[in-house]
Amino acid sequence: MTARKTVGQAALDCVHCGLCLPVCPTYLQLGDEADSPRGRIYLMRAWAEGRQAPSTGLLTHLDRCLVCRACETACPSGVQFGAMMEDTRAALLPARSALLQRGWQQRLHAALGSFVLRRVLPHRSRLHALVQGLRFYQSAGLDAVVRRVGLVRALGLSAQEAIAPVVPPAGARRAWPEVIPALGRRHVVT
């Protein structure tokens, strides 16, 4: 069994050919080289060699990676990107808490996000209760009051409030039919 390469050693496997770029979802979305696999490899190598100190910028580019490993399948050099990313993130964990000394707003956002992801979304009844609460919040006009008073801005929740879905009235909800007929021409596979 071979020993796992260090991040610095594994980074040397990358020949920076760019074949990973068209398969990287964050690079395709953002168009920033630092948010591409080869850009992240360069950043991880610079950090591993001591040329790049841990910084919020470095963490931002590494955190944007989905670690989907699509770049690994496209890589002709066999770069083990996922392993590099896991090792780097684990090694940067102590620096992360020091760098991201967050204010109360950021802590509130993190706590709310964690609560919703871990305690609400996996449970249908809790998700239903959240939607009911959102429906009441919107239909009673509380959303307009909270915005007018400036509470949304004060809590730093403007972005979250802007993407909150408009929940239709309870009577507008329809049950799914038992059978949904197919549309289009029938194709026979031989």
N, C-alpha and C. Protein backbone atom coordinates (compact mmCIF):
# COMPACT_ATOMS: atom_id res chain seq x y z
N MET A 1 0.85 -1.18 0.00
CA MET A 1 0.00 0.00 0.00
C MET A 1 0.90 1.24 0.00
N THR A 2 0.62 2.17 -0.90
CA THR A 2 1.44 3.37 -0.98
C THR A 2 0.91 4.43 -0.03
N ALA A 3 1.83 5.20 0.47
CA ALA A 3 1.45 6.28 1.39
C ALA A 3 0.79 7.40 0.60
N ARG A 4 -0.13 8.07 1.24
CA ARG A 4 -0.83 9.19 0.61
C ARG A 4 0.13 10.34 0.45
N LYS A 5 0.12 10.97 -0.73
CA LYS A 5 0.99 12.11 -0.99
C LYS A 5 0.55 13.31 -0.17
N THR A 6 1.50 14.18 0.15
CA THR A 6 1.15 15.44 0.79
C THR A 6 0.52 16.34 -0.27
N VAL A 7 -0.11 17.40 0.19
CA VAL A 7 -0.75 18.33 -0.74
C VAL A 7 0.29 18.91 -1.71
N GLY A 8 1.45 19.29 -1.17
CA GLY A 8 2.49 19.85 -2.02
C GLY A 8 2.97 18.87 -3.08
N GLN A 9 3.11 17.60 -2.72
CA GLN A 9 3.54 16.58 -3.67
C GLN A 9 2.45 16.31 -4.71
N ALA A 10 1.22 16.18 -4.26
CA ALA A 10 0.11 15.89 -5.17
C ALA A 10 -0.12 17.03 -6.14
N ALA A 11 0.13 18.26 -5.71
CA ALA A 11 -0.07 19.42 -6.59
C ALA A 11 0.88 19.38 -7.78
N LEU A 12 2.01 18.75 -7.62
CA LEU A 12 2.98 18.66 -8.71
C LEU A 12 2.51 17.74 -9.83
N ASP A 13 1.51 16.91 -9.58
CA ASP A 13 0.96 16.04 -10.63
C ASP A 13 0.20 16.83 -11.68
N CYS A 14 -0.30 18.00 -11.30
CA CYS A 14 -1.09 18.83 -12.22
C CYS A 14 -0.17 19.50 -13.24
N VAL A 15 -0.52 19.33 -14.53
CA VAL A 15 0.27 19.96 -15.59
C VAL A 15 -0.40 21.24 -16.10
N HIS A 16 -1.47 21.65 -15.46
CA HIS A 16 -2.19 22.90 -15.79
C HIS A 16 -2.65 22.93 -17.24
N CYS A 17 -3.14 21.78 -17.73
CA CYS A 17 -3.59 21.68 -19.12
C CYS A 17 -4.93 22.38 -19.36
N GLY A 18 -5.76 22.49 -18.32
CA GLY A 18 -7.04 23.16 -18.45
C GLY A 18 -8.19 22.27 -18.86
N LEU A 19 -7.97 20.96 -18.99
CA LEU A 19 -9.07 20.08 -19.37
C LEU A 19 -10.12 19.95 -18.27
N CYS A 20 -9.76 20.37 -17.06
CA CYS A 20 -10.71 20.33 -15.95
C CYS A 20 -11.69 21.51 -15.98
N LEU A 21 -11.33 22.57 -16.67
CA LEU A 21 -12.15 23.79 -16.62
C LEU A 21 -13.58 23.59 -17.11
N PRO A 22 -13.80 22.93 -18.26
CA PRO A 22 -15.19 22.81 -18.73
C PRO A 22 -16.08 21.90 -17.89
N VAL A 23 -15.51 21.14 -16.96
CA VAL A 23 -16.33 20.25 -16.14
C VAL A 23 -16.50 20.77 -14.72
N CYS A 24 -15.86 21.87 -14.37
CA CYS A 24 -15.94 22.40 -13.01
C CYS A 24 -17.15 23.34 -12.91
N PRO A 25 -18.15 22.98 -12.08
CA PRO A 25 -19.35 23.83 -12.00
C PRO A 25 -19.09 25.22 -11.44
N THR A 26 -18.17 25.35 -10.49
CA THR A 26 -17.94 26.68 -9.93
C THR A 26 -17.18 27.56 -10.92
N TYR A 27 -16.25 26.97 -11.66
CA TYR A 27 -15.54 27.76 -12.67
C TYR A 27 -16.50 28.20 -13.77
N LEU A 28 -17.37 27.29 -14.20
CA LEU A 28 -18.33 27.63 -15.26
C LEU A 28 -19.27 28.74 -14.80
N GLN A 29 -19.64 28.72 -13.53
CA GLN A 29 -20.56 29.73 -13.00
C GLN A 29 -19.87 31.06 -12.76
N LEU A 30 -18.67 31.03 -12.17
CA LEU A 30 -18.00 32.26 -11.74
C LEU A 30 -16.98 32.79 -12.75
N GLY A 31 -16.39 31.90 -13.55
CA GLY A 31 -15.42 32.33 -14.56
C GLY A 31 -14.11 32.85 -13.99
N ASP A 32 -13.82 32.53 -12.74
CA ASP A 32 -12.61 33.01 -12.08
C ASP A 32 -11.61 31.86 -12.00
N GLU A 33 -10.40 32.09 -12.45
CA GLU A 33 -9.37 31.04 -12.44
C GLU A 33 -9.13 30.51 -11.03
N ALA A 34 -9.20 31.37 -10.03
CA ALA A 34 -8.99 30.91 -8.65
C ALA A 34 -10.11 30.00 -8.18
N ASP A 35 -11.23 29.98 -8.88
CA ASP A 35 -12.34 29.09 -8.56
C ASP A 35 -12.42 27.92 -9.53
N SER A 36 -11.28 27.59 -10.14
CA SER A 36 -11.18 26.43 -11.01
C SER A 36 -10.30 25.39 -10.31
N PRO A 37 -10.34 24.14 -10.74
CA PRO A 37 -9.48 23.14 -10.10
C PRO A 37 -8.00 23.51 -10.17
N ARG A 38 -7.51 23.93 -11.32
CA ARG A 38 -6.08 24.24 -11.39
C ARG A 38 -5.74 25.48 -10.59
N GLY A 39 -6.66 26.43 -10.49
CA GLY A 39 -6.43 27.60 -9.65
C GLY A 39 -6.38 27.22 -8.18
N ARG A 40 -7.29 26.33 -7.79
CA ARG A 40 -7.30 25.87 -6.39
C ARG A 40 -6.06 25.04 -6.09
N ILE A 41 -5.63 24.25 -7.05
CA ILE A 41 -4.40 23.46 -6.86
C ILE A 41 -3.23 24.40 -6.65
N TYR A 42 -3.16 25.45 -7.44
CA TYR A 42 -2.09 26.42 -7.28
C TYR A 42 -2.15 27.06 -5.88
N LEU A 43 -3.34 27.42 -5.44
CA LEU A 43 -3.50 28.02 -4.11
C LEU A 43 -3.12 27.03 -3.00
N MET A 44 -3.56 25.77 -3.15
CA MET A 44 -3.23 24.76 -2.13
C MET A 44 -1.72 24.51 -2.09
N ARG A 45 -1.09 24.47 -3.27
CA ARG A 45 0.36 24.26 -3.32
C ARG A 45 1.09 25.43 -2.68
N ALA A 46 0.66 26.65 -3.00
CA ALA A 46 1.29 27.84 -2.42
C ALA A 46 1.16 27.83 -0.91
N TRP A 47 -0.01 27.41 -0.40
CA TRP A 47 -0.19 27.32 1.05
C TRP A 47 0.70 26.22 1.64
N ALA A 48 0.73 25.06 0.99
CA ALA A 48 1.52 23.93 1.51
C ALA A 48 3.01 24.25 1.53
N GLU A 49 3.46 25.05 0.57
CA GLU A 49 4.88 25.41 0.50
C GLU A 49 5.22 26.65 1.32
N GLY A 50 4.24 27.23 1.96
CA GLY A 50 4.47 28.39 2.81
C GLY A 50 4.53 29.72 2.07
N ARG A 51 4.15 29.73 0.80
CA ARG A 51 4.15 30.97 0.02
C ARG A 51 2.84 31.73 0.16
N GLN A 52 1.81 31.07 0.70
CA GLN A 52 0.50 31.69 0.88
C GLN A 52 0.06 31.46 2.31
N ALA A 53 -0.13 32.53 3.04
CA ALA A 53 -0.62 32.40 4.41
C ALA A 53 -2.12 32.15 4.39
N PRO A 54 -2.64 31.45 5.39
CA PRO A 54 -4.10 31.30 5.44
C PRO A 54 -4.76 32.68 5.48
N SER A 55 -5.76 32.85 4.66
CA SER A 55 -6.46 34.14 4.59
C SER A 55 -7.92 33.88 4.27
N THR A 56 -8.74 34.90 4.46
CA THR A 56 -10.16 34.74 4.12
C THR A 56 -10.33 34.53 2.63
N GLY A 57 -9.48 35.15 1.81
CA GLY A 57 -9.55 34.94 0.36
C GLY A 57 -9.26 33.50 -0.01
N LEU A 58 -8.23 32.93 0.58
CA LEU A 58 -7.88 31.53 0.32
C LEU A 58 -9.04 30.63 0.74
N LEU A 59 -9.57 30.86 1.93
CA LEU A 59 -10.69 30.04 2.40
C LEU A 59 -11.91 30.18 1.50
N THR A 60 -12.16 31.38 1.02
CA THR A 60 -13.31 31.61 0.15
C THR A 60 -13.21 30.77 -1.11
N HIS A 61 -12.05 30.80 -1.77
CA HIS A 61 -11.88 30.02 -3.01
C HIS A 61 -11.96 28.52 -2.74
N LEU A 62 -11.41 28.07 -1.64
CA LEU A 62 -11.47 26.64 -1.32
C LEU A 62 -12.88 26.23 -0.90
N ASP A 63 -13.58 27.09 -0.18
CA ASP A 63 -14.94 26.77 0.28
C ASP A 63 -15.94 26.73 -0.87
N ARG A 64 -15.68 27.45 -1.93
CA ARG A 64 -16.60 27.45 -3.06
C ARG A 64 -16.58 26.13 -3.83
N CYS A 65 -15.55 25.33 -3.62
CA CYS A 65 -15.44 24.05 -4.31
C CYS A 65 -16.47 23.08 -3.77
N LEU A 66 -17.20 22.42 -4.65
CA LEU A 66 -18.21 21.46 -4.26
C LEU A 66 -17.61 20.09 -3.98
N VAL A 67 -16.36 19.90 -4.32
CA VAL A 67 -15.65 18.63 -4.23
C VAL A 67 -16.47 17.53 -4.92
N CYS A 68 -16.98 17.87 -6.09
CA CYS A 68 -17.76 16.92 -6.89
C CYS A 68 -16.84 15.94 -7.61
N ARG A 69 -15.58 16.29 -7.72
CA ARG A 69 -14.53 15.47 -8.32
C ARG A 69 -14.73 15.25 -9.82
N ALA A 70 -15.53 16.08 -10.46
CA ALA A 70 -15.67 15.98 -11.91
C ALA A 70 -14.34 16.26 -12.59
N CYS A 71 -13.52 17.10 -11.97
CA CYS A 71 -12.21 17.41 -12.54
C CYS A 71 -11.30 16.19 -12.55
N GLU A 72 -11.48 15.28 -11.60
CA GLU A 72 -10.64 14.08 -11.55
C GLU A 72 -10.88 13.18 -12.76
N THR A 73 -12.13 13.08 -13.19
CA THR A 73 -12.43 12.23 -14.35
C THR A 73 -11.92 12.84 -15.64
N ALA A 74 -11.82 14.15 -15.69
CA ALA A 74 -11.34 14.83 -16.90
C ALA A 74 -9.82 14.95 -16.94
N CYS A 75 -9.15 14.70 -15.84
CA CYS A 75 -7.72 14.95 -15.73
C CYS A 75 -6.89 13.84 -16.36
N PRO A 76 -6.08 14.16 -17.38
CA PRO A 76 -5.24 13.13 -18.00
C PRO A 76 -4.04 12.76 -17.12
N SER A 77 -3.72 13.56 -16.14
CA SER A 77 -2.58 13.29 -15.26
C SER A 77 -2.97 12.52 -14.00
N GLY A 78 -4.26 12.30 -13.79
CA GLY A 78 -4.72 11.55 -12.63
C GLY A 78 -4.55 12.28 -11.31
N VAL A 79 -4.68 13.59 -11.32
CA VAL A 79 -4.55 14.38 -10.09
C VAL A 79 -5.67 13.99 -9.13
N GLN A 80 -5.32 13.68 -7.91
CA GLN A 80 -6.30 13.31 -6.88
C GLN A 80 -6.79 14.57 -6.17
N PHE A 81 -7.58 15.36 -6.88
CA PHE A 81 -8.01 16.66 -6.39
C PHE A 81 -8.81 16.55 -5.10
N GLY A 82 -9.74 15.59 -5.04
CA GLY A 82 -10.58 15.45 -3.86
C GLY A 82 -9.78 15.20 -2.59
N ALA A 83 -8.79 14.33 -2.68
CA ALA A 83 -7.95 14.04 -1.52
C ALA A 83 -7.16 15.28 -1.10
N MET A 84 -6.67 16.03 -2.10
CA MET A 84 -5.93 17.26 -1.81
C MET A 84 -6.82 18.26 -1.07
N MET A 85 -8.04 18.40 -1.56
CA MET A 85 -8.97 19.36 -0.97
C MET A 85 -9.33 18.94 0.46
N GLU A 86 -9.58 17.65 0.66
CA GLU A 86 -9.90 17.18 2.01
C GLU A 86 -8.76 17.43 2.97
N ASP A 87 -7.54 17.12 2.54
CA ASP A 87 -6.37 17.32 3.41
C ASP A 87 -6.16 18.80 3.72
N THR A 88 -6.32 19.64 2.71
CA THR A 88 -6.10 21.08 2.90
C THR A 88 -7.15 21.66 3.83
N ARG A 89 -8.41 21.31 3.60
CA ARG A 89 -9.48 21.83 4.46
C ARG A 89 -9.27 21.39 5.91
N ALA A 90 -8.88 20.14 6.09
CA ALA A 90 -8.64 19.64 7.45
C ALA A 90 -7.48 20.37 8.11
N ALA A 91 -6.42 20.62 7.35
CA ALA A 91 -5.25 21.30 7.90
C ALA A 91 -5.53 22.77 8.20
N LEU A 92 -6.43 23.37 7.44
CA LEU A 92 -6.76 24.79 7.63
C LEU A 92 -7.83 25.01 8.70
N LEU A 93 -8.38 23.95 9.24
CA LEU A 93 -9.46 24.09 10.22
C LEU A 93 -9.07 24.96 11.43
N PRO A 94 -7.88 24.78 12.02
CA PRO A 94 -7.53 25.65 13.15
C PRO A 94 -7.42 27.13 12.74
N ALA A 95 -6.88 27.37 11.56
CA ALA A 95 -6.74 28.76 11.09
C ALA A 95 -8.09 29.37 10.76
N ARG A 96 -9.03 28.53 10.34
CA ARG A 96 -10.36 29.01 9.95
C ARG A 96 -11.05 29.74 11.09
N SER A 97 -11.05 29.15 12.27
CA SER A 97 -11.76 29.79 13.38
C SER A 97 -11.12 31.12 13.75
N ALA A 98 -9.80 31.20 13.63
CA ALA A 98 -9.12 32.47 13.94
C ALA A 98 -9.42 33.52 12.88
N LEU A 99 -9.47 33.09 11.61
CA LEU A 99 -9.70 34.04 10.51
C LEU A 99 -11.15 34.52 10.46
N LEU A 100 -12.03 33.63 10.79
CA LEU A 100 -13.44 33.97 10.64
C LEU A 100 -14.08 34.33 11.98
N GLN A 101 -13.41 35.17 12.73
CA GLN A 101 -14.01 35.68 13.95
C GLN A 101 -15.23 36.47 13.52
N ARG A 102 -16.35 35.85 13.66
CA ARG A 102 -17.55 36.43 13.10
C ARG A 102 -18.32 37.25 14.11
N GLY A 103 -18.99 38.24 13.60
CA GLY A 103 -19.87 39.05 14.42
C GLY A 103 -21.16 38.31 14.71
N TRP A 104 -22.02 38.92 15.47
CA TRP A 104 -23.25 38.26 15.86
C TRP A 104 -24.15 37.98 14.66
N GLN A 105 -24.12 38.82 13.61
CA GLN A 105 -24.95 38.58 12.43
C GLN A 105 -24.52 37.31 11.71
N GLN A 106 -23.20 37.15 11.53
CA GLN A 106 -22.71 35.95 10.85
C GLN A 106 -22.99 34.70 11.68
N ARG A 107 -22.86 34.82 12.99
CA ARG A 107 -23.17 33.67 13.85
C ARG A 107 -24.65 33.32 13.77
N LEU A 108 -25.51 34.36 13.72
CA LEU A 108 -26.95 34.14 13.59
C LEU A 108 -27.25 33.42 12.27
N HIS A 109 -26.64 33.89 11.16
CA HIS A 109 -26.86 33.27 9.85
C HIS A 109 -26.43 31.81 9.88
N ALA A 110 -25.25 31.55 10.44
CA ALA A 110 -24.73 30.19 10.49
C ALA A 110 -25.64 29.30 11.33
N ALA A 111 -26.10 29.82 12.47
CA ALA A 111 -26.97 29.03 13.34
C ALA A 111 -28.31 28.75 12.66
N LEU A 112 -28.89 29.75 12.01
CA LEU A 112 -30.16 29.55 11.31
C LEU A 112 -30.00 28.55 10.18
N GLY A 113 -28.94 28.72 9.39
CA GLY A 113 -28.70 27.80 8.28
C GLY A 113 -28.51 26.38 8.75
N SER A 114 -27.72 26.21 9.79
CA SER A 114 -27.48 24.88 10.34
C SER A 114 -28.78 24.27 10.89
N PHE A 115 -29.55 25.08 11.58
CA PHE A 115 -30.81 24.60 12.14
C PHE A 115 -31.76 24.13 11.04
N VAL A 116 -31.91 24.94 10.01
CA VAL A 116 -32.83 24.59 8.92
C VAL A 116 -32.35 23.33 8.20
N LEU A 117 -31.05 23.25 7.90
CA LEU A 117 -30.53 22.10 7.17
C LEU A 117 -30.58 20.81 7.99
N ARG A 118 -30.30 20.90 9.27
CA ARG A 118 -30.21 19.69 10.09
C ARG A 118 -31.51 19.32 10.79
N ARG A 119 -32.30 20.32 11.18
CA ARG A 119 -33.46 20.04 12.02
C ARG A 119 -34.81 20.24 11.34
N VAL A 120 -34.83 20.93 10.17
CA VAL A 120 -36.12 21.21 9.53
C VAL A 120 -36.26 20.43 8.22
N LEU A 121 -35.33 20.60 7.29
CA LEU A 121 -35.48 19.99 5.97
C LEU A 121 -35.61 18.46 5.99
N PRO A 122 -34.91 17.75 6.85
CA PRO A 122 -35.06 16.29 6.84
C PRO A 122 -36.40 15.79 7.39
N HIS A 123 -37.20 16.66 7.97
CA HIS A 123 -38.46 16.25 8.60
C HIS A 123 -39.63 16.94 7.91
N ARG A 124 -40.46 16.16 7.25
CA ARG A 124 -41.57 16.71 6.47
C ARG A 124 -42.52 17.56 7.33
N SER A 125 -42.83 17.11 8.53
CA SER A 125 -43.78 17.84 9.37
C SER A 125 -43.19 19.19 9.80
N ARG A 126 -41.91 19.23 10.09
CA ARG A 126 -41.27 20.50 10.48
C ARG A 126 -41.20 21.45 9.29
N LEU A 127 -40.91 20.90 8.11
CA LEU A 127 -40.88 21.74 6.90
C LEU A 127 -42.26 22.31 6.62
N HIS A 128 -43.28 21.49 6.82
CA HIS A 128 -44.66 21.95 6.63
C HIS A 128 -44.98 23.09 7.61
N ALA A 129 -44.55 22.94 8.86
CA ALA A 129 -44.78 23.99 9.86
C ALA A 129 -44.05 25.28 9.48
N LEU A 130 -42.82 25.15 8.95
CA LEU A 130 -42.08 26.33 8.51
C LEU A 130 -42.80 27.04 7.37
N VAL A 131 -43.33 26.28 6.42
CA VAL A 131 -44.06 26.86 5.30
C VAL A 131 -45.33 27.54 5.80
N GLN A 132 -46.02 26.92 6.75
CA GLN A 132 -47.22 27.54 7.33
C GLN A 132 -46.87 28.87 8.00
N GLY A 133 -45.76 28.88 8.73
CA GLY A 133 -45.32 30.11 9.38
C GLY A 133 -44.98 31.19 8.36
N LEU A 134 -44.30 30.79 7.29
CA LEU A 134 -43.97 31.74 6.23
C LEU A 134 -45.23 32.25 5.54
N ARG A 135 -46.21 31.37 5.35
CA ARG A 135 -47.49 31.79 4.74
C ARG A 135 -48.17 32.84 5.62
N PHE A 136 -48.22 32.61 6.93
CA PHE A 136 -48.83 33.58 7.85
C PHE A 136 -48.05 34.89 7.83
N TYR A 137 -46.73 34.82 7.88
CA TYR A 137 -45.85 35.99 7.86
C TYR A 137 -46.14 36.86 6.65
N GLN A 138 -46.33 36.22 5.48
CA GLN A 138 -46.58 36.97 4.25
C GLN A 138 -48.03 37.45 4.14
N SER A 139 -48.98 36.56 4.43
CA SER A 139 -50.39 36.93 4.24
C SER A 139 -50.86 37.97 5.26
N ALA A 140 -50.28 37.98 6.45
CA ALA A 140 -50.66 38.97 7.47
C ALA A 140 -49.98 40.31 7.24
N GLY A 141 -49.08 40.37 6.27
CA GLY A 141 -48.39 41.62 5.98
C GLY A 141 -47.24 41.91 6.93
N LEU A 142 -46.84 40.92 7.71
CA LEU A 142 -45.73 41.12 8.64
C LEU A 142 -44.41 41.36 7.91
N ASP A 143 -44.28 40.78 6.71
CA ASP A 143 -43.04 40.98 5.94
C ASP A 143 -42.84 42.45 5.61
N ALA A 144 -43.91 43.14 5.21
CA ALA A 144 -43.81 44.56 4.89
C ALA A 144 -43.49 45.39 6.14
N VAL A 145 -44.10 45.03 7.26
CA VAL A 145 -43.86 45.75 8.52
C VAL A 145 -42.40 45.58 8.95
N VAL A 146 -41.92 44.36 8.90
CA VAL A 146 -40.54 44.07 9.32
C VAL A 146 -39.54 44.81 8.43
N ARG A 147 -39.83 44.86 7.12
CA ARG A 147 -38.95 45.61 6.21
C ARG A 147 -39.01 47.11 6.50
N ARG A 148 -40.22 47.64 6.72
CA ARG A 148 -40.39 49.08 6.96
C ARG A 148 -39.67 49.50 8.23
N VAL A 149 -39.75 48.68 9.25
CA VAL A 149 -39.10 49.00 10.52
C VAL A 149 -37.58 48.89 10.40
N GLY A 150 -37.11 48.11 9.43
CA GLY A 150 -35.66 47.95 9.23
C GLY A 150 -35.07 46.77 9.98
N LEU A 151 -35.93 45.90 10.48
CA LEU A 151 -35.44 44.75 11.24
C LEU A 151 -34.69 43.75 10.37
N VAL A 152 -35.16 43.56 9.14
CA VAL A 152 -34.48 42.63 8.23
C VAL A 152 -33.05 43.11 7.97
N ARG A 153 -32.90 44.39 7.70
CA ARG A 153 -31.57 44.96 7.45
C ARG A 153 -30.71 44.90 8.70
N ALA A 154 -31.30 45.21 9.85
CA ALA A 154 -30.55 45.21 11.10
C ALA A 154 -30.03 43.81 11.45
N LEU A 155 -30.81 42.78 11.11
CA LEU A 155 -30.38 41.41 11.37
C LEU A 155 -29.48 40.86 10.26
N GLY A 156 -29.34 41.64 9.19
CA GLY A 156 -28.50 41.19 8.08
C GLY A 156 -29.14 40.07 7.29
N LEU A 157 -30.46 40.05 7.25
CA LEU A 157 -31.18 38.96 6.57
C LEU A 157 -31.82 39.42 5.25
N SER A 158 -31.34 40.51 4.68
CA SER A 158 -31.93 41.03 3.45
C SER A 158 -31.83 40.03 2.30
N ALA A 159 -30.67 39.40 2.15
CA ALA A 159 -30.49 38.44 1.05
C ALA A 159 -31.41 37.24 1.22
N GLN A 160 -31.54 36.76 2.45
CA GLN A 160 -32.40 35.61 2.70
C GLN A 160 -33.87 35.98 2.48
N GLU A 161 -34.25 37.16 2.90
CA GLU A 161 -35.64 37.59 2.75
C GLU A 161 -35.96 37.80 1.27
N ALA A 162 -34.97 38.25 0.50
CA ALA A 162 -35.19 38.49 -0.92
C ALA A 162 -35.45 37.20 -1.70
N ILE A 163 -34.88 36.09 -1.25
CA ILE A 163 -35.07 34.83 -1.98
C ILE A 163 -36.15 33.95 -1.36
N ALA A 164 -36.79 34.42 -0.31
CA ALA A 164 -37.87 33.63 0.29
C ALA A 164 -39.00 33.49 -0.72
N PRO A 165 -39.50 32.28 -0.91
CA PRO A 165 -40.57 32.09 -1.90
C PRO A 165 -41.87 32.70 -1.41
N VAL A 166 -42.69 33.12 -2.36
CA VAL A 166 -44.04 33.60 -2.02
C VAL A 166 -44.89 32.35 -1.86
N VAL A 167 -45.44 32.18 -0.68
CA VAL A 167 -46.24 30.99 -0.39
C VAL A 167 -47.69 31.30 -0.74
N PRO A 168 -48.28 30.52 -1.65
CA PRO A 168 -49.68 30.78 -2.03
C PRO A 168 -50.62 30.45 -0.89
N PRO A 169 -51.83 31.00 -0.93
CA PRO A 169 -52.82 30.69 0.11
C PRO A 169 -53.06 29.17 0.18
N ALA A 170 -53.48 28.73 1.36
CA ALA A 170 -53.68 27.29 1.57
C ALA A 170 -54.69 26.70 0.59
N GLY A 171 -55.72 27.45 0.22
CA GLY A 171 -56.74 26.95 -0.70
C GLY A 171 -56.24 26.80 -2.13
N ALA A 172 -55.14 27.47 -2.47
CA ALA A 172 -54.63 27.41 -3.84
C ALA A 172 -53.81 26.15 -4.09
N ARG A 173 -53.48 25.44 -3.04
CA ARG A 173 -52.68 24.23 -3.18
C ARG A 173 -53.55 23.09 -3.69
N ARG A 174 -53.06 22.42 -4.71
CA ARG A 174 -53.79 21.29 -5.27
C ARG A 174 -53.02 20.01 -5.02
N ALA A 175 -53.74 18.94 -4.82
CA ALA A 175 -53.11 17.64 -4.64
C ALA A 175 -52.67 17.12 -6.01
N TRP A 176 -51.59 16.37 -6.00
CA TRP A 176 -51.13 15.77 -7.25
C TRP A 176 -52.10 14.69 -7.68
N PRO A 177 -52.38 14.59 -8.99
CA PRO A 177 -53.25 13.50 -9.44
C PRO A 177 -52.54 12.16 -9.24
N GLU A 178 -53.34 11.11 -9.16
CA GLU A 178 -52.76 9.79 -8.93
C GLU A 178 -51.95 9.33 -10.13
N VAL A 179 -52.41 9.68 -11.33
CA VAL A 179 -51.70 9.31 -12.56
C VAL A 179 -51.49 10.57 -13.38
N ILE A 180 -50.27 10.77 -13.84
CA ILE A 180 -49.97 11.89 -14.73
C ILE A 180 -49.62 11.29 -16.08
N PRO A 181 -50.48 11.51 -17.09
CA PRO A 181 -50.22 10.89 -18.40
C PRO A 181 -48.99 11.51 -19.07
N ALA A 182 -48.31 10.68 -19.83
CA ALA A 182 -47.13 11.13 -20.57
C ALA A 182 -47.56 12.02 -21.72
N LEU A 183 -46.70 12.95 -22.09
CA LEU A 183 -46.98 13.83 -23.22
C LEU A 183 -46.02 13.49 -24.37
N GLY A 184 -46.43 13.72 -25.58
CA GLY A 184 -45.55 13.52 -26.72
C GLY A 184 -45.75 12.17 -27.40
N ARG A 185 -44.91 11.96 -28.40
CA ARG A 185 -45.00 10.73 -29.18
C ARG A 185 -44.42 9.55 -28.45
N ARG A 186 -44.97 8.40 -28.66
CA ARG A 186 -44.46 7.18 -28.05
C ARG A 186 -43.26 6.69 -28.86
N HIS A 187 -42.20 6.36 -28.18
CA HIS A 187 -40.99 5.85 -28.83
C HIS A 187 -40.79 4.41 -28.42
N VAL A 188 -40.51 3.57 -29.39
CA VAL A 188 -40.26 2.17 -29.11
C VAL A 188 -38.77 1.95 -29.21
N VAL A 189 -38.18 1.41 -28.17
CA VAL A 189 -36.76 1.12 -28.17
C VAL A 189 -36.57 -0.32 -28.59
N THR A 190 -35.72 -0.51 -29.58
CA THR A 190 -35.49 -1.88 -30.05
C THR A 190 -34.13 -2.38 -29.66
